[in-house]
Amino acid sequence: MGGHLRPGAGWPFRVGVVQKTAATTAFRGKTWRSRYEIAEHELRPVLKVPSPELVSGRRVLVYDDVYTEGLTLRAVASSLRDAGAVEVSEIVLAREPYKRTQ
């Protein structure tokens, strides 16, 4: 988030920068189209950045445990950009295996 890291310098890591303010329908067991609709019309409107000054004018790296199809990241990134982040990237621990749909 700006500048070069010095040896021993820590990354500015924060939890709770984006908060979900209401319950939404679970993605599990839903078709891709249904998950897309949930992400766009239920999830995106209830994601809030309570302290926009933490991200305004900054490049933000989002840490996630599993990447499935990017719908949640897309909603989170939109919230961060709306709060002033200039760039949003993601790092994940695992990717769900590819599933061929017919």
PDB file of N, CA and C in Angstrom:
ATOM      1  N   MET A   1       0.827  -1.185   0.000  1.00  0.00           N
ATOM      2  CA  MET A   1       0.000   0.000   0.000  1.00  0.00           C
ATOM      3  C   MET A   1       0.867   1.242   0.000  1.00  0.00           C
ATOM      4  N   GLY A   2       1.616   1.398  -1.031  1.00  0.00           N
ATOM      5  CA  GLY A   2       2.410   2.600  -1.184  1.00  0.00           C
ATOM      6  C   GLY A   2       3.818   2.423  -0.660  1.00  0.00           C
ATOM      7  N   GLY A   3       4.786   2.875  -1.441  1.00  0.00           N
ATOM      8  CA  GLY A   3       6.178   2.844  -1.015  1.00  0.00           C
ATOM      9  C   GLY A   3       6.768   1.454  -1.054  1.00  0.00           C
ATOM     10  N   HIS A   4       8.046   1.402  -0.704  1.00  0.00           N
ATOM     11  CA  HIS A   4       8.749   0.125  -0.668  1.00  0.00           C
ATOM     12  C   HIS A   4       8.838  -0.341   0.772  1.00  0.00           C
ATOM     13  N   LEU A   5       8.761  -1.639   0.962  1.00  0.00           N
ATOM     14  CA  LEU A   5       8.895  -2.180   2.312  1.00  0.00           C
ATOM     15  C   LEU A   5      10.363  -2.275   2.680  1.00  0.00           C
ATOM     16  N   ARG A   6      10.695  -1.853   3.876  1.00  0.00           N
ATOM     17  CA  ARG A   6      12.043  -1.983   4.400  1.00  0.00           C
ATOM     18  C   ARG A   6      12.177  -3.370   5.018  1.00  0.00           C
ATOM     19  N   PRO A   7      13.396  -3.911   5.096  1.00  0.00           N
ATOM     20  CA  PRO A   7      13.566  -5.189   5.781  1.00  0.00           C
ATOM     21  C   PRO A   7      12.983  -5.112   7.185  1.00  0.00           C
ATOM     22  N   GLY A   8      12.159  -6.067   7.532  1.00  0.00           N
ATOM     23  CA  GLY A   8      11.554  -6.101   8.853  1.00  0.00           C
ATOM     24  C   GLY A   8      10.257  -5.312   8.955  1.00  0.00           C
ATOM     25  N   ALA A   9       9.924  -4.531   7.923  1.00  0.00           N
ATOM     26  CA  ALA A   9       8.678  -3.754   7.971  1.00  0.00           C
ATOM     27  C   ALA A   9       7.501  -4.692   7.723  1.00  0.00           C
ATOM     28  N   GLY A  10       6.401  -4.450   8.403  1.00  0.00           N
ATOM     29  CA  GLY A  10       5.229  -5.302   8.240  1.00  0.00           C
ATOM     30  C   GLY A  10       4.269  -4.752   7.202  1.00  0.00           C
ATOM     31  N   TRP A  11       3.457  -5.627   6.678  1.00  0.00           N
ATOM     32  CA  TRP A  11       2.406  -5.218   5.763  1.00  0.00           C
ATOM     33  C   TRP A  11       1.282  -4.578   6.567  1.00  0.00           C
ATOM     34  N   PRO A  12       0.691  -3.515   6.058  1.00  0.00           N
ATOM     35  CA  PRO A  12      -0.462  -2.931   6.759  1.00  0.00           C
ATOM     36  C   PRO A  12      -1.685  -3.827   6.550  1.00  0.00           C
ATOM     37  N   PHE A  13      -1.961  -4.690   7.512  1.00  0.00           N
ATOM     38  CA  PHE A  13      -3.015  -5.702   7.419  1.00  0.00           C
ATOM     39  C   PHE A  13      -4.173  -5.294   8.310  1.00  0.00           C
ATOM     40  N   ARG A  14      -5.391  -5.271   7.762  1.00  0.00           N
ATOM     41  CA  ARG A  14      -6.560  -4.899   8.552  1.00  0.00           C
ATOM     42  C   ARG A  14      -7.684  -5.893   8.313  1.00  0.00           C
ATOM     43  N   VAL A  15      -8.430  -6.162   9.359  1.00  0.00           N
ATOM     44  CA  VAL A  15      -9.608  -7.038   9.310  1.00  0.00           C
ATOM     45  C   VAL A  15     -10.841  -6.151   9.439  1.00  0.00           C
ATOM     46  N   GLY A  16     -11.909  -6.500   8.737  1.00  0.00           N
ATOM     47  CA  GLY A  16     -13.163  -5.774   8.885  1.00  0.00           C
ATOM     48  C   GLY A  16     -13.258  -4.500   8.078  1.00  0.00           C
ATOM     49  N   VAL A  17     -12.399  -4.337   7.091  1.00  0.00           N
ATOM     50  CA  VAL A  17     -12.442  -3.132   6.258  1.00  0.00           C
ATOM     51  C   VAL A  17     -13.744  -3.083   5.473  1.00  0.00           C
ATOM     52  N   VAL A  18     -14.197  -4.253   5.009  1.00  0.00           N
ATOM     53  CA  VAL A  18     -15.496  -4.373   4.349  1.00  0.00           C
ATOM     54  C   VAL A  18     -16.385  -5.201   5.268  1.00  0.00           C
ATOM     55  N   GLN A  19     -17.574  -4.697   5.532  1.00  0.00           N
ATOM     56  CA  GLN A  19     -18.488  -5.407   6.431  1.00  0.00           C
ATOM     57  C   GLN A  19     -19.808  -5.695   5.737  1.00  0.00           C
ATOM     58  N   LYS A  20     -20.309  -6.896   5.977  1.00  0.00           N
ATOM     59  CA  LYS A  20     -21.620  -7.302   5.468  1.00  0.00           C
ATOM     60  C   LYS A  20     -22.657  -6.881   6.504  1.00  0.00           C
ATOM     61  N   THR A  21     -23.589  -6.027   6.111  1.00  0.00           N
ATOM     62  CA  THR A  21     -24.507  -5.415   7.067  1.00  0.00           C
ATOM     63  C   THR A  21     -25.870  -6.100   7.167  1.00  0.00           C
ATOM     64  N   ALA A  22     -26.108  -7.129   6.363  1.00  0.00           N
ATOM     65  CA  ALA A  22     -27.380  -7.854   6.410  1.00  0.00           C
ATOM     66  C   ALA A  22     -27.170  -9.265   5.860  1.00  0.00           C
ATOM     67  N   ALA A  23     -28.061 -10.146   6.210  1.00  0.00           N
ATOM     68  CA  ALA A  23     -27.995 -11.527   5.721  1.00  0.00           C
ATOM     69  C   ALA A  23     -28.355 -11.575   4.237  1.00  0.00           C
ATOM     70  N   THR A  24     -27.758 -12.536   3.542  1.00  0.00           N
ATOM     71  CA  THR A  24     -28.072 -12.762   2.125  1.00  0.00           C
ATOM     72  C   THR A  24     -28.274 -14.257   1.903  1.00  0.00           C
ATOM     73  N   THR A  25     -28.862 -14.596   0.795  1.00  0.00           N
ATOM     74  CA  THR A  25     -29.084 -15.986   0.430  1.00  0.00           C
ATOM     75  C   THR A  25     -27.744 -16.678   0.193  1.00  0.00           C
ATOM     76  N   ALA A  26     -27.600 -17.898   0.692  1.00  0.00           N
ATOM     77  CA  ALA A  26     -26.370 -18.672   0.499  1.00  0.00           C
ATOM     78  C   ALA A  26     -26.231 -19.090  -0.964  1.00  0.00           C
ATOM     79  N   PHE A  27     -24.996 -19.148  -1.439  1.00  0.00           N
ATOM     80  CA  PHE A  27     -24.706 -19.578  -2.813  1.00  0.00           C
ATOM     81  C   PHE A  27     -24.842 -21.087  -2.989  1.00  0.00           C
ATOM     82  N   ARG A  28     -24.573 -21.819  -1.932  1.00  0.00           N
ATOM     83  CA  ARG A  28     -24.495 -23.286  -2.009  1.00  0.00           C
ATOM     84  C   ARG A  28     -25.747 -23.895  -2.636  1.00  0.00           C
ATOM     85  N   GLY A  29     -25.508 -24.762  -3.621  1.00  0.00           N
ATOM     86  CA  GLY A  29     -26.598 -25.478  -4.264  1.00  0.00           C
ATOM     87  C   GLY A  29     -27.346 -24.690  -5.331  1.00  0.00           C
ATOM     88  N   LYS A  30     -26.902 -23.476  -5.587  1.00  0.00           N
ATOM     89  CA  LYS A  30     -27.581 -22.617  -6.570  1.00  0.00           C
ATOM     90  C   LYS A  30     -26.876 -22.702  -7.922  1.00  0.00           C
ATOM     91  N   THR A  31     -27.618 -22.413  -8.981  1.00  0.00           N
ATOM     92  CA  THR A  31     -27.024 -22.345 -10.311  1.00  0.00           C
ATOM     93  C   THR A  31     -26.117 -21.119 -10.392  1.00  0.00           C
ATOM     94  N   TRP A  32     -25.242 -21.095 -11.396  1.00  0.00           N
ATOM     95  CA  TRP A  32     -24.361 -19.938 -11.568  1.00  0.00           C
ATOM     96  C   TRP A  32     -25.183 -18.668 -11.712  1.00  0.00           C
ATOM     97  N   ARG A  33     -26.222 -18.717 -12.505  1.00  0.00           N
ATOM     98  CA  ARG A  33     -27.057 -17.526 -12.722  1.00  0.00           C
ATOM     99  C   ARG A  33     -27.682 -17.035 -11.412  1.00  0.00           C
ATOM    100  N   SER A  34     -28.163 -17.959 -10.593  1.00  0.00           N
ATOM    101  CA  SER A  34     -28.735 -17.586  -9.300  1.00  0.00           C
ATOM    102  C   SER A  34     -27.683 -16.975  -8.391  1.00  0.00           C
ATOM    103  N   ARG A  35     -26.474 -17.558  -8.368  1.00  0.00           N
ATOM    104  CA  ARG A  35     -25.389 -17.002  -7.546  1.00  0.00           C
ATOM    105  C   ARG A  35     -25.018 -15.605  -8.022  1.00  0.00           C
ATOM    106  N   TYR A  36     -25.001 -15.410  -9.325  1.00  0.00           N
ATOM    107  CA  TYR A  36     -24.704 -14.086  -9.888  1.00  0.00           C
ATOM    108  C   TYR A  36     -25.754 -13.072  -9.425  1.00  0.00           C
ATOM    109  N   GLU A  37     -27.015 -13.445  -9.491  1.00  0.00           N
ATOM    110  CA  GLU A  37     -28.100 -12.548  -9.069  1.00  0.00           C
ATOM    111  C   GLU A  37     -28.002 -12.221  -7.578  1.00  0.00           C
ATOM    112  N   ILE A  38     -27.674 -13.217  -6.757  1.00  0.00           N
ATOM    113  CA  ILE A  38     -27.505 -12.986  -5.324  1.00  0.00           C
ATOM    114  C   ILE A  38     -26.350 -12.011  -5.082  1.00  0.00           C
ATOM    115  N   ALA A  39     -25.223 -12.241  -5.751  1.00  0.00           N
ATOM    116  CA  ALA A  39     -24.055 -11.378  -5.566  1.00  0.00           C
ATOM    117  C   ALA A  39     -24.348  -9.940  -5.972  1.00  0.00           C
ATOM    118  N   GLU A  40     -24.998  -9.764  -7.106  1.00  0.00           N
ATOM    119  CA  GLU A  40     -25.253  -8.416  -7.627  1.00  0.00           C
ATOM    120  C   GLU A  40     -26.383  -7.684  -6.905  1.00  0.00           C
ATOM    121  N   HIS A  41     -27.441  -8.398  -6.561  1.00  0.00           N
ATOM    122  CA  HIS A  41     -28.642  -7.724  -6.065  1.00  0.00           C
ATOM    123  C   HIS A  41     -28.887  -7.868  -4.559  1.00  0.00           C
ATOM    124  N   GLU A  42     -28.214  -8.826  -3.921  1.00  0.00           N
ATOM    125  CA  GLU A  42     -28.347  -8.972  -2.469  1.00  0.00           C
ATOM    126  C   GLU A  42     -27.049  -8.601  -1.754  1.00  0.00           C
ATOM    127  N   LEU A  43     -25.945  -9.204  -2.186  1.00  0.00           N
ATOM    128  CA  LEU A  43     -24.674  -9.020  -1.494  1.00  0.00           C
ATOM    129  C   LEU A  43     -24.087  -7.625  -1.700  1.00  0.00           C
ATOM    130  N   ARG A  44     -23.949  -7.217  -2.945  1.00  0.00           N
ATOM    131  CA  ARG A  44     -23.307  -5.927  -3.231  1.00  0.00           C
ATOM    132  C   ARG A  44     -23.930  -4.770  -2.448  1.00  0.00           C
ATOM    133  N   PRO A  45     -25.259  -4.653  -2.374  1.00  0.00           N
ATOM    134  CA  PRO A  45     -25.848  -3.517  -1.647  1.00  0.00           C
ATOM    135  C   PRO A  45     -25.608  -3.521  -0.133  1.00  0.00           C
ATOM    136  N   VAL A  46     -25.298  -4.691   0.464  1.00  0.00           N
ATOM    137  CA  VAL A  46     -25.133  -4.734   1.918  1.00  0.00           C
ATOM    138  C   VAL A  46     -23.672  -4.751   2.364  1.00  0.00           C
ATOM    139  N   LEU A  47     -22.738  -4.649   1.421  1.00  0.00           N
ATOM    140  CA  LEU A  47     -21.326  -4.540   1.780  1.00  0.00           C
ATOM    141  C   LEU A  47     -20.981  -3.072   1.977  1.00  0.00           C
ATOM    142  N   LYS A  48     -20.417  -2.762   3.134  1.00  0.00           N
ATOM    143  CA  LYS A  48     -20.088  -1.375   3.472  1.00  0.00           C
ATOM    144  C   LYS A  48     -18.640  -1.275   3.930  1.00  0.00           C
ATOM    145  N   VAL A  49     -18.025  -0.132   3.666  1.00  0.00           N
ATOM    146  CA  VAL A  49     -16.685   0.190   4.147  1.00  0.00           C
ATOM    147  C   VAL A  49     -16.865   1.289   5.199  1.00  0.00           C
ATOM    148  N   PRO A  50     -16.877   0.911   6.494  1.00  0.00           N
ATOM    149  CA  PRO A  50     -17.183   1.885   7.536  1.00  0.00           C
ATOM    150  C   PRO A  50     -16.138   2.985   7.707  1.00  0.00           C
ATOM    151  N   SER A  51     -14.895   2.731   7.310  1.00  0.00           N
ATOM    152  CA  SER A  51     -13.825   3.736   7.428  1.00  0.00           C
ATOM    153  C   SER A  51     -13.149   3.904   6.071  1.00  0.00           C
ATOM    154  N   PRO A  52     -13.785   4.638   5.144  1.00  0.00           N
ATOM    155  CA  PRO A  52     -13.233   4.776   3.800  1.00  0.00           C
ATOM    156  C   PRO A  52     -11.821   5.364   3.766  1.00  0.00           C
ATOM    157  N   GLU A  53     -11.450   6.111   4.794  1.00  0.00           N
ATOM    158  CA  GLU A  53     -10.105   6.694   4.815  1.00  0.00           C
ATOM    159  C   GLU A  53      -9.013   5.625   4.840  1.00  0.00           C
ATOM    160  N   LEU A  54      -9.353   4.402   5.241  1.00  0.00           N
ATOM    161  CA  LEU A  54      -8.380   3.310   5.245  1.00  0.00           C
ATOM    162  C   LEU A  54      -8.026   2.846   3.840  1.00  0.00           C
ATOM    163  N   VAL A  55      -8.921   3.058   2.876  1.00  0.00           N
ATOM    164  CA  VAL A  55      -8.675   2.566   1.516  1.00  0.00           C
ATOM    165  C   VAL A  55      -8.587   3.670   0.469  1.00  0.00           C
ATOM    166  N   SER A  56      -9.051   4.841   0.786  1.00  0.00           N
ATOM    167  CA  SER A  56      -9.094   5.934  -0.187  1.00  0.00           C
ATOM    168  C   SER A  56      -7.702   6.254  -0.737  1.00  0.00           C
ATOM    169  N   GLY A  57      -7.584   6.204  -2.063  1.00  0.00           N
ATOM    170  CA  GLY A  57      -6.328   6.499  -2.731  1.00  0.00           C
ATOM    171  C   GLY A  57      -5.297   5.392  -2.652  1.00  0.00           C
ATOM    172  N   ARG A  58      -5.683   4.235  -2.169  1.00  0.00           N
ATOM    173  CA  ARG A  58      -4.734   3.132  -1.969  1.00  0.00           C
ATOM    174  C   ARG A  58      -4.996   1.948  -2.893  1.00  0.00           C
ATOM    175  N   ARG A  59      -3.961   1.140  -3.032  1.00  0.00           N
ATOM    176  CA  ARG A  59      -4.079  -0.153  -3.683  1.00  0.00           C
ATOM    177  C   ARG A  59      -4.353  -1.169  -2.578  1.00  0.00           C
ATOM    178  N   VAL A  60      -5.400  -1.974  -2.744  1.00  0.00           N
ATOM    179  CA  VAL A  60      -5.838  -2.888  -1.685  1.00  0.00           C
ATOM    180  C   VAL A  60      -5.688  -4.324  -2.151  1.00  0.00           C
ATOM    181  N   LEU A  61      -5.147  -5.152  -1.270  1.00  0.00           N
ATOM    182  CA  LEU A  61      -5.032  -6.585  -1.519  1.00  0.00           C
ATOM    183  C   LEU A  61      -6.018  -7.294  -0.599  1.00  0.00           C
ATOM    184  N   VAL A  62      -6.952  -8.042  -1.187  1.00  0.00           N
ATOM    185  CA  VAL A  62      -7.965  -8.782  -0.432  1.00  0.00           C
ATOM    186  C   VAL A  62      -7.473 -10.214  -0.274  1.00  0.00           C
ATOM    187  N   TYR A  63      -7.518 -10.712   0.947  1.00  0.00           N
ATOM    188  CA  TYR A  63      -7.115 -12.082   1.260  1.00  0.00           C
ATOM    189  C   TYR A  63      -8.378 -12.928   1.408  1.00  0.00           C
ATOM    190  N   ASP A  64      -8.417 -14.071   0.728  1.00  0.00           N
ATOM    191  CA  ASP A  64      -9.586 -14.951   0.795  1.00  0.00           C
ATOM    192  C   ASP A  64      -9.107 -16.388   0.947  1.00  0.00           C
ATOM    193  N   ASP A  65      -9.927 -17.230   1.550  1.00  0.00           N
ATOM    194  CA  ASP A  65      -9.521 -18.618   1.753  1.00  0.00           C
ATOM    195  C   ASP A  65      -9.707 -19.471   0.499  1.00  0.00           C
ATOM    196  N   VAL A  66     -10.837 -19.318  -0.203  1.00  0.00           N
ATOM    197  CA  VAL A  66     -11.105 -20.129  -1.393  1.00  0.00           C
ATOM    198  C   VAL A  66     -11.715 -19.266  -2.495  1.00  0.00           C
ATOM    199  N   TYR A  67     -11.191 -19.427  -3.705  1.00  0.00           N
ATOM    200  CA  TYR A  67     -11.741 -18.752  -4.874  1.00  0.00           C
ATOM    201  C   TYR A  67     -12.607 -19.761  -5.610  1.00  0.00           C
ATOM    202  N   THR A  68     -13.866 -19.421  -5.804  1.00  0.00           N
ATOM    203  CA  THR A  68     -14.759 -20.317  -6.533  1.00  0.00           C
ATOM    204  C   THR A  68     -14.981 -19.787  -7.937  1.00  0.00           C
ATOM    205  N   GLU A  69     -15.607 -18.633  -8.046  1.00  0.00           N
ATOM    206  CA  GLU A  69     -15.854 -18.058  -9.368  1.00  0.00           C
ATOM    207  C   GLU A  69     -15.699 -16.541  -9.398  1.00  0.00           C
ATOM    208  N   GLY A  70     -15.380 -15.952  -8.274  1.00  0.00           N
ATOM    209  CA  GLY A  70     -15.095 -14.530  -8.240  1.00  0.00           C
ATOM    210  C   GLY A  70     -16.265 -13.598  -8.007  1.00  0.00           C
ATOM    211  N   LEU A  71     -17.448 -14.139  -7.789  1.00  0.00           N
ATOM    212  CA  LEU A  71     -18.622 -13.283  -7.616  1.00  0.00           C
ATOM    213  C   LEU A  71     -18.554 -12.479  -6.316  1.00  0.00           C
ATOM    214  N   THR A  72     -18.104 -13.113  -5.238  1.00  0.00           N
ATOM    215  CA  THR A  72     -17.979 -12.394  -3.970  1.00  0.00           C
ATOM    216  C   THR A  72     -16.870 -11.352  -4.066  1.00  0.00           C
ATOM    217  N   LEU A  73     -15.726 -11.735  -4.638  1.00  0.00           N
ATOM    218  CA  LEU A  73     -14.626 -10.773  -4.802  1.00  0.00           C
ATOM    219  C   LEU A  73     -15.078  -9.575  -5.620  1.00  0.00           C
ATOM    220  N   ARG A  74     -15.831  -9.812  -6.651  1.00  0.00           N
ATOM    221  CA  ARG A  74     -16.322  -8.721  -7.491  1.00  0.00           C
ATOM    222  C   ARG A  74     -17.152  -7.731  -6.668  1.00  0.00           C
ATOM    223  N   ALA A  75     -18.015  -8.247  -5.796  1.00  0.00           N
ATOM    224  CA  ALA A  75     -18.837  -7.386  -4.943  1.00  0.00           C
ATOM    225  C   ALA A  75     -17.977  -6.648  -3.923  1.00  0.00           C
ATOM    226  N   VAL A  76     -17.010  -7.343  -3.318  1.00  0.00           N
ATOM    227  CA  VAL A  76     -16.110  -6.716  -2.347  1.00  0.00           C
ATOM    228  C   VAL A  76     -15.273  -5.635  -3.034  1.00  0.00           C
ATOM    229  N   ALA A  77     -14.723  -5.944  -4.189  1.00  0.00           N
ATOM    230  CA  ALA A  77     -13.908  -4.975  -4.923  1.00  0.00           C
ATOM    231  C   ALA A  77     -14.716  -3.736  -5.288  1.00  0.00           C
ATOM    232  N   SER A  78     -15.943  -3.930  -5.678  1.00  0.00           N
ATOM    233  CA  SER A  78     -16.812  -2.796  -6.005  1.00  0.00           C
ATOM    234  C   SER A  78     -16.999  -1.889  -4.789  1.00  0.00           C
ATOM    235  N   SER A  79     -17.220  -2.486  -3.627  1.00  0.00           N
ATOM    236  CA  SER A  79     -17.379  -1.707  -2.396  1.00  0.00           C
ATOM    237  C   SER A  79     -16.109  -0.927  -2.071  1.00  0.00           C
ATOM    238  N   LEU A  80     -14.970  -1.570  -2.242  1.00  0.00           N
ATOM    239  CA  LEU A  80     -13.696  -0.906  -1.963  1.00  0.00           C
ATOM    240  C   LEU A  80     -13.430   0.237  -2.943  1.00  0.00           C
ATOM    241  N   ARG A  81     -13.715   0.016  -4.215  1.00  0.00           N
ATOM    242  CA  ARG A  81     -13.535   1.093  -5.213  1.00  0.00           C
ATOM    243  C   ARG A  81     -14.504   2.235  -4.948  1.00  0.00           C
ATOM    244  N   ASP A  82     -15.741   1.916  -4.575  1.00  0.00           N
ATOM    245  CA  ASP A  82     -16.708   2.969  -4.230  1.00  0.00           C
ATOM    246  C   ASP A  82     -16.219   3.801  -3.050  1.00  0.00           C
ATOM    247  N   ALA A  83     -15.428   3.183  -2.159  1.00  0.00           N
ATOM    248  CA  ALA A  83     -14.894   3.884  -0.984  1.00  0.00           C
ATOM    249  C   ALA A  83     -13.594   4.619  -1.298  1.00  0.00           C
ATOM    250  N   GLY A  84     -13.127   4.525  -2.558  1.00  0.00           N
ATOM    251  CA  GLY A  84     -11.960   5.292  -2.958  1.00  0.00           C
ATOM    252  C   GLY A  84     -10.702   4.514  -3.265  1.00  0.00           C
ATOM    253  N   ALA A  85     -10.728   3.177  -3.129  1.00  0.00           N
ATOM    254  CA  ALA A  85      -9.542   2.391  -3.475  1.00  0.00           C
ATOM    255  C   ALA A  85      -9.256   2.563  -4.967  1.00  0.00           C
ATOM    256  N   VAL A  86      -7.985   2.717  -5.322  1.00  0.00           N
ATOM    257  CA  VAL A  86      -7.635   2.910  -6.724  1.00  0.00           C
ATOM    258  C   VAL A  86      -7.402   1.594  -7.452  1.00  0.00           C
ATOM    259  N   GLU A  87      -7.125   0.542  -6.694  1.00  0.00           N
ATOM    260  CA  GLU A  87      -6.907  -0.777  -7.282  1.00  0.00           C
ATOM    261  C   GLU A  87      -7.231  -1.825  -6.237  1.00  0.00           C
ATOM    262  N   VAL A  88      -7.852  -2.913  -6.667  1.00  0.00           N
ATOM    263  CA  VAL A  88      -8.160  -4.022  -5.758  1.00  0.00           C
ATOM    264  C   VAL A  88      -7.675  -5.307  -6.417  1.00  0.00           C
ATOM    265  N   SER A  89      -6.843  -6.056  -5.694  1.00  0.00           N
ATOM    266  CA  SER A  89      -6.351  -7.355  -6.140  1.00  0.00           C
ATOM    267  C   SER A  89      -6.685  -8.376  -5.069  1.00  0.00           C
ATOM    268  N   GLU A  90      -6.521  -9.659  -5.400  1.00  0.00           N
ATOM    269  CA  GLU A  90      -6.856 -10.717  -4.451  1.00  0.00           C
ATOM    270  C   GLU A  90      -5.753 -11.751  -4.389  1.00  0.00           C
ATOM    271  N   ILE A  91      -5.595 -12.309  -3.209  1.00  0.00           N
ATOM    272  CA  ILE A  91      -4.739 -13.474  -3.016  1.00  0.00           C
ATOM    273  C   ILE A  91      -5.586 -14.518  -2.296  1.00  0.00           C
ATOM    274  N   VAL A  92      -5.489 -15.763  -2.740  1.00  0.00           N
ATOM    275  CA  VAL A  92      -6.296 -16.832  -2.141  1.00  0.00           C
ATOM    276  C   VAL A  92      -5.416 -18.022  -1.768  1.00  0.00           C
ATOM    277  N   LEU A  93      -5.902 -18.806  -0.814  1.00  0.00           N
ATOM    278  CA  LEU A  93      -5.187 -20.013  -0.405  1.00  0.00           C
ATOM    279  C   LEU A  93      -5.463 -21.186  -1.333  1.00  0.00           C
ATOM    280  N   ALA A  94      -6.682 -21.278  -1.849  1.00  0.00           N
ATOM    281  CA  ALA A  94      -7.067 -22.429  -2.660  1.00  0.00           C
ATOM    282  C   ALA A  94      -8.075 -22.012  -3.721  1.00  0.00           C
ATOM    283  N   ARG A  95      -8.110 -22.786  -4.794  1.00  0.00           N
ATOM    284  CA  ARG A  95      -9.091 -22.575  -5.839  1.00  0.00           C
ATOM    285  C   ARG A  95      -9.924 -23.828  -5.940  1.00  0.00           C
ATOM    286  N   GLU A  96     -11.244 -23.648  -6.021  1.00  0.00           N
ATOM    287  CA  GLU A  96     -12.123 -24.793  -6.203  1.00  0.00           C
ATOM    288  C   GLU A  96     -11.778 -25.454  -7.540  1.00  0.00           C
ATOM    289  N   PRO A  97     -11.755 -26.782  -7.600  1.00  0.00           N
ATOM    290  CA  PRO A  97     -11.438 -27.462  -8.856  1.00  0.00           C
ATOM    291  C   PRO A  97     -12.442 -27.104  -9.954  1.00  0.00           C
ATOM    292  N   TYR A  98     -11.946 -27.077 -11.174  1.00  0.00           N
ATOM    293  CA  TYR A  98     -12.796 -26.806 -12.327  1.00  0.00           C
ATOM    294  C   TYR A  98     -13.839 -27.904 -12.462  1.00  0.00           C
ATOM    295  N   LYS A  99     -15.074 -27.491 -12.692  1.00  0.00           N
ATOM    296  CA  LYS A  99     -16.176 -28.437 -12.911  1.00  0.00           C
ATOM    297  C   LYS A  99     -16.780 -28.153 -14.257  1.00  0.00           C
ATOM    298  N   ARG A 100     -16.769 -29.136 -15.113  1.00  0.00           N
ATOM    299  CA  ARG A 100     -17.357 -28.983 -16.432  1.00  0.00           C
ATOM    300  C   ARG A 100     -18.870 -28.996 -16.299  1.00  0.00           C
ATOM    301  N   THR A 101     -19.510 -27.992 -16.881  1.00  0.00           N
ATOM    302  CA  THR A 101     -20.978 -27.964 -16.892  1.00  0.00           C
ATOM    303  C   THR A 101     -21.452 -28.324 -18.284  1.00  0.00           C
ATOM    304  N   GLN A 102     -22.604 -28.920 -18.335  1.00  0.00           N
ATOM    305  CA  GLN A 102     -23.124 -29.352 -19.645  1.00  0.00           C
ATOM    306  C   GLN A 102     -24.345 -28.587 -20.016  1.00  0.00           C
TER     307      GLN A 102
END
